[in-house]
Protein backbone atom coordinates (compact mmCIF):
# COMPACT_ATOMS: atom_id res chain seq x y z
CA MET A 1 0.27 -20.45 -16.85
CA ILE A 2 -2.50 -20.77 -14.41
CA GLY A 3 -5.73 -19.42 -15.92
CA PHE A 4 -7.99 -16.61 -14.79
CA ILE A 5 -8.87 -16.79 -11.09
CA VAL A 6 -12.20 -15.70 -9.68
CA LEU A 7 -11.91 -15.30 -5.89
CA ALA A 8 -14.51 -17.05 -3.71
CA TYR A 9 -15.75 -14.33 -1.41
CA ARG A 10 -16.37 -15.47 2.11
CA LEU A 11 -17.90 -13.58 5.06
CA SER A 12 -17.15 -14.02 8.75
CA LEU A 13 -18.43 -11.18 10.91
CA VAL A 14 -17.47 -12.49 14.31
CA PRO A 15 -14.09 -14.11 15.03
CA GLU A 16 -14.50 -17.49 16.70
CA GLU A 17 -12.93 -18.16 20.08
CA HIS A 18 -9.79 -20.02 19.19
CA GLU A 19 -6.23 -20.91 19.75
CA PHE A 20 -4.89 -22.07 16.40
CA GLU A 21 -2.08 -21.80 13.91
CA PRO A 22 -3.37 -19.82 11.01
CA ARG A 23 -3.06 -21.35 7.55
CA LEU A 24 -1.70 -19.01 4.98
CA PRO A 25 -3.65 -18.54 1.77
CA ASP A 26 -2.43 -20.89 -0.94
CA LYS A 27 -1.03 -17.87 -2.84
CA GLY A 28 0.63 -16.34 0.22
CA ILE A 29 0.21 -12.88 1.62
CA ILE A 30 -0.07 -9.72 -0.47
CA ASN A 31 1.60 -6.71 1.23
CA VAL A 32 -0.05 -3.67 -0.22
CA HIS A 33 2.24 -1.07 1.39
CA GLU A 34 5.97 -0.84 1.41
CA ARG A 35 8.77 1.49 0.27
CA ILE A 36 12.45 0.94 -0.67
CA GLN A 37 15.29 3.40 -0.95
CA LYS A 38 17.77 1.71 -3.20
CA PHE A 39 17.95 -1.18 -5.60
CA SER A 40 20.75 -2.79 -3.52
CA ASP A 41 18.25 -3.12 -0.64
CA SER A 42 15.87 -5.35 -2.60
CA ALA A 43 17.59 -8.72 -2.03
CA LYS A 44 17.22 -8.63 1.73
CA TRP A 45 13.55 -7.65 1.38
CA LEU A 46 12.89 -10.61 -0.96
CA GLU A 47 14.53 -12.87 1.57
CA ALA A 48 12.37 -11.48 4.38
CA MET A 49 9.25 -11.83 2.25
CA GLU A 50 9.93 -15.50 1.66
CA GLU A 51 10.56 -16.20 5.27
CA CYS A 52 7.28 -14.59 6.31
CA GLY A 53 5.02 -16.04 3.63
CA ILE A 54 4.61 -12.89 1.51
CA SER A 55 4.14 -13.60 -2.11
CA ALA A 56 3.95 -10.03 -3.46
CA THR A 57 4.65 -6.49 -2.18
CA CYS A 58 3.27 -3.26 -3.58
CA MET A 59 6.26 -0.96 -3.67
CA LEU A 60 5.33 2.67 -3.45
CA GLY A 61 7.48 5.20 -5.31
CA SER A 62 8.70 7.79 -2.86
CA PRO A 63 10.58 11.11 -2.68
CA LYS A 64 13.97 11.48 -1.11
CA GLN A 65 12.47 13.33 1.81
CA THR A 66 10.67 10.29 3.18
CA PHE A 67 13.95 8.29 3.38
CA LEU A 68 16.41 10.92 4.56
CA LEU A 69 15.16 13.42 7.11
CA SER A 70 18.29 15.44 6.52
CA SER A 71 17.20 16.06 2.92
CA PRO A 72 16.40 19.62 1.82
CA PRO A 73 12.71 20.42 2.37
CA GLY A 74 10.47 19.72 -0.53
CA PHE A 75 9.41 16.72 -2.72
CA SER A 76 12.26 15.59 -4.94
CA ASN A 77 14.03 12.65 -6.50
CA TYR A 78 10.81 10.66 -6.74
CA SER A 79 11.08 9.98 -10.46
CA VAL A 80 14.20 7.86 -9.94
CA ASN A 81 12.50 5.88 -7.16
CA ASN A 82 9.45 5.45 -9.41
CA ASP A 83 11.52 4.02 -12.21
CA MET A 84 13.24 1.65 -9.77
CA THR A 85 9.91 0.20 -8.58
CA ILE A 86 8.92 -0.53 -12.16
CA TYR A 87 12.27 -2.16 -12.79
CA LEU A 88 11.95 -4.28 -9.61
CA GLU A 89 8.59 -5.52 -10.74
CA GLU A 90 10.14 -6.74 -13.95
CA LYS A 91 13.28 -8.12 -12.43
CA TYR A 92 11.59 -10.07 -9.64
CA ASP A 93 8.79 -11.48 -11.86
CA SER A 94 6.04 -9.36 -10.16
CA LYS A 95 6.92 -10.30 -6.60
CA ILE A 96 7.28 -6.53 -6.42
CA LEU A 97 4.33 -4.53 -7.83
CA ALA A 98 5.07 -0.96 -8.86
CA PHE A 99 2.94 1.90 -7.39
CA PRO A 100 4.72 5.10 -8.58
CA THR A 101 4.09 8.27 -6.78
CA ILE A 102 2.47 11.40 -8.21
CA ASP A 103 3.59 15.01 -8.07
CA PRO A 104 0.39 17.05 -8.34
CA ARG A 105 2.38 20.08 -9.43
CA ASP A 106 3.67 18.42 -12.59
CA GLN A 107 1.72 19.67 -15.61
CA GLU A 108 2.48 16.49 -17.46
CA LYS A 109 1.36 14.16 -14.68
CA LEU A 110 -1.46 12.38 -16.51
CA LYS A 111 0.74 11.75 -19.49
CA ILE A 112 3.42 10.36 -17.20
CA ILE A 113 0.92 8.14 -15.42
CA LYS A 114 -0.20 6.63 -18.71
CA ASP A 115 3.40 6.04 -19.69
CA GLN A 116 4.11 4.29 -16.35
CA LEU A 117 1.07 2.11 -16.82
CA ALA A 118 2.35 1.09 -20.25
CA ARG A 119 5.70 0.23 -18.62
CA GLY A 120 4.13 -2.04 -16.05
CA ALA A 121 2.83 0.01 -13.10
CA ILE A 122 -0.07 -1.62 -11.33
CA GLY A 123 -1.33 1.35 -9.33
CA PHE A 124 -0.27 4.73 -7.98
CA ASN A 125 0.26 6.51 -4.72
CA SER A 126 0.26 10.09 -3.48
CA PHE A 127 1.80 11.77 -0.44
CA SER A 128 -0.26 14.90 -1.00
CA GLY A 129 -2.12 14.41 2.37
CA HIS A 130 1.10 13.64 4.34
CA THR A 131 1.25 16.03 7.31
CA ALA A 132 4.18 14.72 9.40
CA GLU A 133 6.62 17.51 10.04
CA LEU A 134 9.69 16.02 8.27
CA PHE A 135 11.48 19.40 7.95
CA PRO A 136 12.72 21.28 11.03
CA GLU A 137 13.43 24.43 9.07
CA PRO A 138 11.18 25.58 7.58
CA LYS A 139 8.46 23.77 9.50
CA LYS A 140 6.52 22.52 6.55
CA THR A 141 4.98 19.19 5.62
CA ILE A 142 4.74 17.45 2.25
CA TYR A 143 1.14 18.64 2.12
CA ASP A 144 2.36 22.23 2.25
CA TYR A 145 4.20 21.54 -1.04
CA LEU A 146 1.68 19.33 -2.76
CA GLY A 147 -1.78 20.27 -1.48
CA PRO A 148 -4.57 20.94 -1.53
CA LEU A 149 -6.04 17.53 -2.22
CA ASN A 150 -8.97 18.91 -4.21
CA ARG A 151 -6.81 21.18 -6.47
CA SER A 152 -8.42 21.55 -9.88
CA ASP A 153 -5.40 20.29 -11.83
CA MET A 154 -5.76 16.90 -10.15
CA GLU A 155 -9.27 16.35 -11.42
CA GLU A 156 -8.09 14.80 -14.71
CA VAL A 157 -6.13 12.25 -12.67
CA TYR A 158 -9.00 11.35 -10.32
CA GLU A 159 -11.34 10.99 -13.27
CA TYR A 160 -8.93 8.81 -15.11
CA PHE A 161 -8.32 6.59 -12.03
CA GLU A 162 -12.04 6.23 -11.56
CA ARG A 163 -12.78 5.45 -15.18
CA GLU A 164 -9.93 2.93 -15.63
CA GLN A 165 -10.39 1.38 -12.15
CA ILE A 166 -6.74 1.99 -11.18
CA PRO A 167 -5.90 1.31 -7.50
CA PHE A 168 -4.68 4.39 -5.65
CA ASN A 169 -2.84 4.53 -2.37
CA TRP A 170 -3.52 7.96 -0.88
CA HIS A 171 -1.55 9.09 2.21
CA VAL A 172 -4.02 11.35 4.01
CA LYS A 173 -4.31 12.18 7.73
CA LEU A 174 -8.09 11.95 7.92
CA LYS A 175 -7.99 13.28 11.44
CA ASN A 176 -7.06 16.67 10.02
CA ASP A 177 -10.34 18.62 9.50
CA THR A 178 -9.08 20.45 6.43
CA LEU A 179 -7.77 17.31 4.70
CA TYR A 180 -10.87 15.35 5.53
CA SER A 181 -13.06 18.07 4.02
CA GLN A 182 -10.93 18.00 0.83
CA VAL A 183 -11.15 14.21 0.61
CA ARG A 184 -14.96 14.32 0.89
CA ASP A 185 -15.04 16.94 -1.96
CA VAL A 186 -12.91 14.61 -4.20
CA MET A 187 -14.89 11.44 -3.29
CA LYS A 188 -18.24 13.15 -4.05
CA LYS A 189 -17.01 13.98 -7.53
CA TYR A 190 -15.39 10.58 -8.13
CA PRO A 191 -17.35 8.14 -6.01
CA ASP A 192 -16.16 5.04 -7.78
CA MET A 193 -12.44 5.58 -7.28
CA ILE A 194 -10.59 2.66 -5.82
CA VAL A 195 -8.61 4.15 -2.85
CA ASP A 196 -6.48 2.80 -0.03
CA PHE A 197 -6.35 5.28 2.88
CA PRO A 198 -3.44 3.59 4.64
CA HIS A 199 -2.54 3.35 8.33
CA PHE A 200 -6.25 3.10 9.38
CA GLY A 201 -6.56 6.67 7.87
CA VAL A 202 -4.02 7.96 10.35
CA LEU A 203 -6.90 8.42 12.76
CA GLY A 204 -5.65 6.91 16.00
CA THR A 205 -8.72 5.76 17.86
CA ASP A 206 -11.12 8.09 16.03
CA LEU A 207 -12.03 5.64 13.26
CA TYR A 208 -15.49 7.13 12.55
CA ARG A 209 -14.27 9.23 9.58
CA LEU A 210 -12.86 6.19 7.88
CA GLU A 211 -16.05 4.34 8.60
CA GLU A 212 -18.09 7.19 7.03
CA LEU A 213 -16.03 6.95 3.84
CA MET A 214 -16.38 3.18 3.74
CA ASP A 215 -20.12 3.36 4.37
CA ASN A 216 -20.57 5.78 1.48
CA TYR A 217 -17.97 4.60 -1.04
CA SER A 218 -17.56 0.94 -1.79
CA GLY A 219 -14.13 1.46 -3.32
CA VAL A 220 -12.56 2.79 -0.17
CA TYR A 221 -10.01 0.46 1.52
CA THR A 222 -7.41 0.72 4.31
CA ASP A 223 -4.28 -1.17 5.34
CA ILE A 224 -2.89 -2.01 8.75
CA SER A 225 0.61 -0.54 8.36
CA PHE A 226 1.89 2.14 10.76
CA GLY A 227 5.09 3.11 8.93
CA GLY A 228 7.81 4.44 11.25
CA PHE A 229 5.18 4.91 13.95
CA ALA A 230 4.65 1.16 14.67
CA LYS A 231 6.09 1.75 18.17
CA TRP A 232 2.99 3.78 18.87
CA GLY A 233 0.53 2.10 16.49
CA MET A 234 0.73 -1.51 17.74
CA PRO A 235 0.42 -0.45 21.46
CA ARG A 236 -2.55 1.73 20.49
CA VAL A 237 -4.31 -1.25 18.91
CA SER A 238 -3.41 -3.35 22.04
CA ASN A 239 -4.86 -0.67 24.38
CA ASN A 240 -8.02 -0.41 22.34
CA ILE A 241 -8.35 -3.93 21.18
CA GLU A 242 -12.09 -4.18 21.23
CA LEU A 243 -12.45 -0.96 19.16
CA TYR A 244 -10.07 -2.24 16.46
CA ARG A 245 -11.54 -5.80 16.54
CA GLU A 246 -15.00 -4.40 16.03
CA PHE A 247 -13.76 -2.25 13.14
CA VAL A 248 -11.97 -5.09 11.41
CA ASN A 249 -14.88 -7.46 11.85
CA LYS A 250 -17.28 -4.88 10.39
CA TYR A 251 -15.06 -3.89 7.46
CA HIS A 252 -13.25 -7.22 6.95
CA ASP A 253 -13.66 -6.86 3.16
CA ARG A 254 -11.89 -3.46 3.14
CA VAL A 255 -8.83 -4.08 5.40
CA MET A 256 -5.53 -5.20 3.79
CA PHE A 257 -2.16 -6.32 5.07
CA GLY A 258 0.66 -3.77 4.81
CA THR A 259 3.89 -2.97 6.63
CA ASP A 260 5.53 0.29 5.41
CA ILE A 261 8.74 -0.61 7.31
CA VAL A 262 10.70 1.57 4.85
CA ILE A 263 13.58 -0.57 3.49
CA THR A 264 16.91 1.28 3.49
CA ASN A 265 20.56 0.51 3.73
CA ASN A 266 20.71 1.30 7.48
CA VAL A 267 23.02 -1.31 8.88
CA ARG A 268 20.53 -2.36 11.56
CA LYS A 269 17.78 -3.07 8.99
CA THR A 270 18.91 -6.64 8.51
CA VAL A 271 16.81 -9.57 7.31
CA PRO A 272 16.07 -10.68 10.87
CA TRP A 273 15.04 -7.13 11.78
CA LEU A 274 12.72 -6.96 8.81
CA VAL A 275 11.28 -10.39 9.68
CA ASP A 276 10.63 -9.31 13.22
CA HIS A 277 8.59 -6.30 11.88
CA ILE A 278 6.63 -8.32 9.46
CA MET A 279 5.82 -11.00 11.99
CA ALA A 280 4.75 -8.43 14.57
CA TYR A 281 2.04 -7.28 12.06
CA ARG A 282 1.02 -10.90 11.41
CA ASN A 283 0.90 -11.64 15.13
CA MET A 284 -1.19 -8.55 15.75
CA LEU A 285 -3.79 -10.03 13.45
CA GLU A 286 -3.49 -13.67 14.26
CA LYS A 287 -2.91 -13.95 17.99
CA ASP A 288 -4.86 -12.96 21.10
CA GLU A 289 -1.61 -11.98 22.73
CA TYR A 290 1.92 -11.67 21.37
CA TYR A 291 5.42 -10.66 22.36
CA VAL A 292 7.19 -8.18 20.08
CA ASN A 293 10.87 -7.29 20.24
CA ILE A 294 12.14 -4.76 17.71
CA GLN A 295 15.43 -2.88 18.12
CA ASN A 296 15.56 0.78 17.40
CA ILE A 297 17.49 1.60 14.20
CA THR A 298 19.85 3.90 16.18
CA GLY A 299 21.07 0.77 18.03
CA GLU A 300 20.04 2.33 21.33
CA GLY A 301 17.23 0.47 23.04
CA PHE A 302 14.06 -0.95 21.52
CA ASP A 303 11.08 0.51 19.62
CA LEU A 304 8.99 -2.34 21.08
CA ASN A 305 9.89 -4.86 23.70
CA GLU A 306 6.64 -5.95 25.37
CA THR A 307 3.67 -8.23 25.29
CA LEU A 308 0.68 -6.82 23.46
CA ASN A 309 -3.00 -7.76 22.91
CA GLY A 310 -3.72 -9.04 19.41
CA LEU A 311 -6.93 -9.16 17.38
CA GLY A 312 -7.05 -12.97 17.26
CA LEU A 313 -8.96 -13.00 14.00
CA GLY A 314 -10.59 -16.09 12.54
CA GLN A 315 -9.22 -17.91 9.51
CA GLU A 316 -11.76 -16.61 6.98
CA ILE A 317 -11.10 -12.97 7.89
CA LEU A 318 -7.35 -13.57 7.80
CA ASP A 319 -7.70 -15.06 4.29
CA GLU A 320 -9.47 -11.84 3.21
CA ILE A 321 -6.98 -9.49 4.78
CA TYR A 322 -3.94 -11.40 3.49
CA TYR A 323 -5.08 -12.17 -0.04
CA GLU A 324 -8.62 -11.89 -1.13
CA THR A 325 -9.16 -8.16 -0.33
CA PRO A 326 -5.75 -7.06 -1.67
CA MET A 327 -6.53 -8.93 -4.90
CA ARG A 328 -9.83 -7.13 -5.21
CA PHE A 329 -8.06 -3.82 -4.64
CA LEU A 330 -5.40 -4.59 -7.21
CA LYS A 331 -8.05 -5.61 -9.77
CA GLY A 332 -9.64 -2.22 -9.28
CA GLU A 333 -12.84 -3.66 -7.84
CA PRO A 334 -15.05 -2.21 -5.10
CA ALA A 335 -15.99 -4.23 -2.06
CA GLU A 336 -19.52 -4.59 -3.43
CA LEU A 337 -18.98 -5.55 -7.05
CA LYS A 338 -21.04 -3.36 -9.35
CA ASN A 339 -20.16 -4.89 -12.68
CA SER A 340 -17.84 -7.33 -14.32
CA SER A 341 -15.79 -4.78 -16.28
CA SER A 342 -13.01 -4.46 -13.70
CA ARG A 343 -9.43 -4.79 -14.84
CA ALA A 344 -8.80 -8.54 -15.06
CA LEU A 345 -5.58 -9.90 -13.56
CA GLU A 346 -4.45 -13.38 -14.38
CA ILE A 347 -2.36 -15.30 -11.95
CA SER A 348 0.69 -16.89 -13.47
CA PHE A 349 4.02 -18.34 -12.66
CA GLU A 350 5.38 -17.88 -16.11
CA ASN A 351 8.97 -16.58 -15.93
CA LYS A 352 10.19 -13.60 -17.81
CA ASP A 353 13.61 -13.19 -19.50
CA VAL A 354 15.03 -10.29 -17.52
CA LYS A 355 18.48 -8.96 -18.24
CA GLU A 356 20.55 -8.80 -15.06
CA HIS A 357 21.62 -5.34 -14.03
CA ASP A 358 23.52 -3.95 -11.06
CA GLY A 359 21.34 -0.87 -11.48
CA PHE A 360 18.33 -0.25 -13.68
CA GLU A 361 17.51 1.38 -17.00
CA MET A 362 14.14 2.82 -17.98
CA ASN A 363 12.82 4.37 -21.21
CA ASN A 364 11.52 7.78 -20.20
CA ASP A 365 10.14 8.71 -23.64
CA LEU A 366 6.49 9.62 -23.22
CA MET A 367 4.10 7.77 -25.47
CA SER A 368 1.36 9.30 -27.60
CA ASP A 369 -2.14 9.36 -26.15
CA GLU A 370 -3.29 7.01 -28.96
CA GLN A 371 -0.64 4.44 -28.03
CA VAL A 372 -1.46 4.71 -24.33
CA ILE A 373 -5.20 4.33 -24.82
CA ASP A 374 -4.56 1.16 -26.81
CA ILE A 375 -2.23 -0.22 -24.15
CA VAL A 376 -4.48 0.68 -21.22
CA HIS A 377 -7.35 -1.25 -22.85
CA LYS A 378 -5.02 -4.20 -23.33
CA ARG A 379 -4.14 -4.06 -19.63
CA LYS A 380 -7.48 -5.60 -18.91
CA LYS A 381 -5.94 -8.79 -20.25
CA ARG A 382 -2.33 -8.39 -19.01
CA THR A 383 -1.00 -10.93 -16.52
CA MET A 384 0.24 -10.33 -13.03
CA LYS A 385 2.20 -12.99 -11.15
CA ILE A 386 1.00 -13.32 -7.57
């Protein structure tokens, strides 16, 4: 076992003019944002990870509706996907890191969260601010089912996440005035929460709201994933390259690598297709200009087939985005460290004895609060293999 690692924090505010082949961090890239539909899809993702230099992936538990747009409207079948992410973390020796999703409507949600932590979850995610219209009839969003974000019965969860320094991926379209107001309400009450507002806050080119949150709350992070909207997100960065470069340079200690490709059994989502996606994200960060060629999953045409402008970031900032900042987020630490009581994660290559399964089995018995409190405190010493 490799002992406890303290990351050397390095600053580089302005990318140097360069043409170079970036060196990956010794521990590889940590991908903080991905989702998977079925256990049978995991092998091809592990193969793509290895080919692209990714050492660990945070796998976000997700409802059926985010995988199959033909699903009945609502927010369902997420508990099965949550259990699968926890099993994948165990089976693949923490190359997969479980981030179960939360249903704010569940009256037992905090107890379930504690149980999932005891079973290996590293962090959590919420789709409560997801406003994409997934359902044609009725025309509702996931937010319509799970919101508002500042609902009173979520306060115990936010308070617990803040107190225990648990990383939280929160899908929120910050461009929406109502949602942004609700986020501000929550952050004022729980200013030390460690939160990833992914997809650059779903703000397009109006990044000022994300900047305001980062300027006021040192635990606010973002990731570069665009989900199924990469065909618009990457060209948007290309067309506004100085805006995004300035943002990343200014908040280089808050930006993390993520993909959110959404791994399913679609026949066109092969290993090469996944690799093309991952490398497009890497090239967007590493190169001044790059060519991207990604076929549409319908088999008709391409989502992207063009040369785009890249950010061309320097090595030190790349090291932060790929590894150092994700590690800080996973430890439950703010960008400006306030104390040394953050959840400690040890880095280890010790193998686990994991029984092989074609599927997965999980113990769904809820633990007592006393048992959970004891285990949560012990989590400060538990190991994570990245």
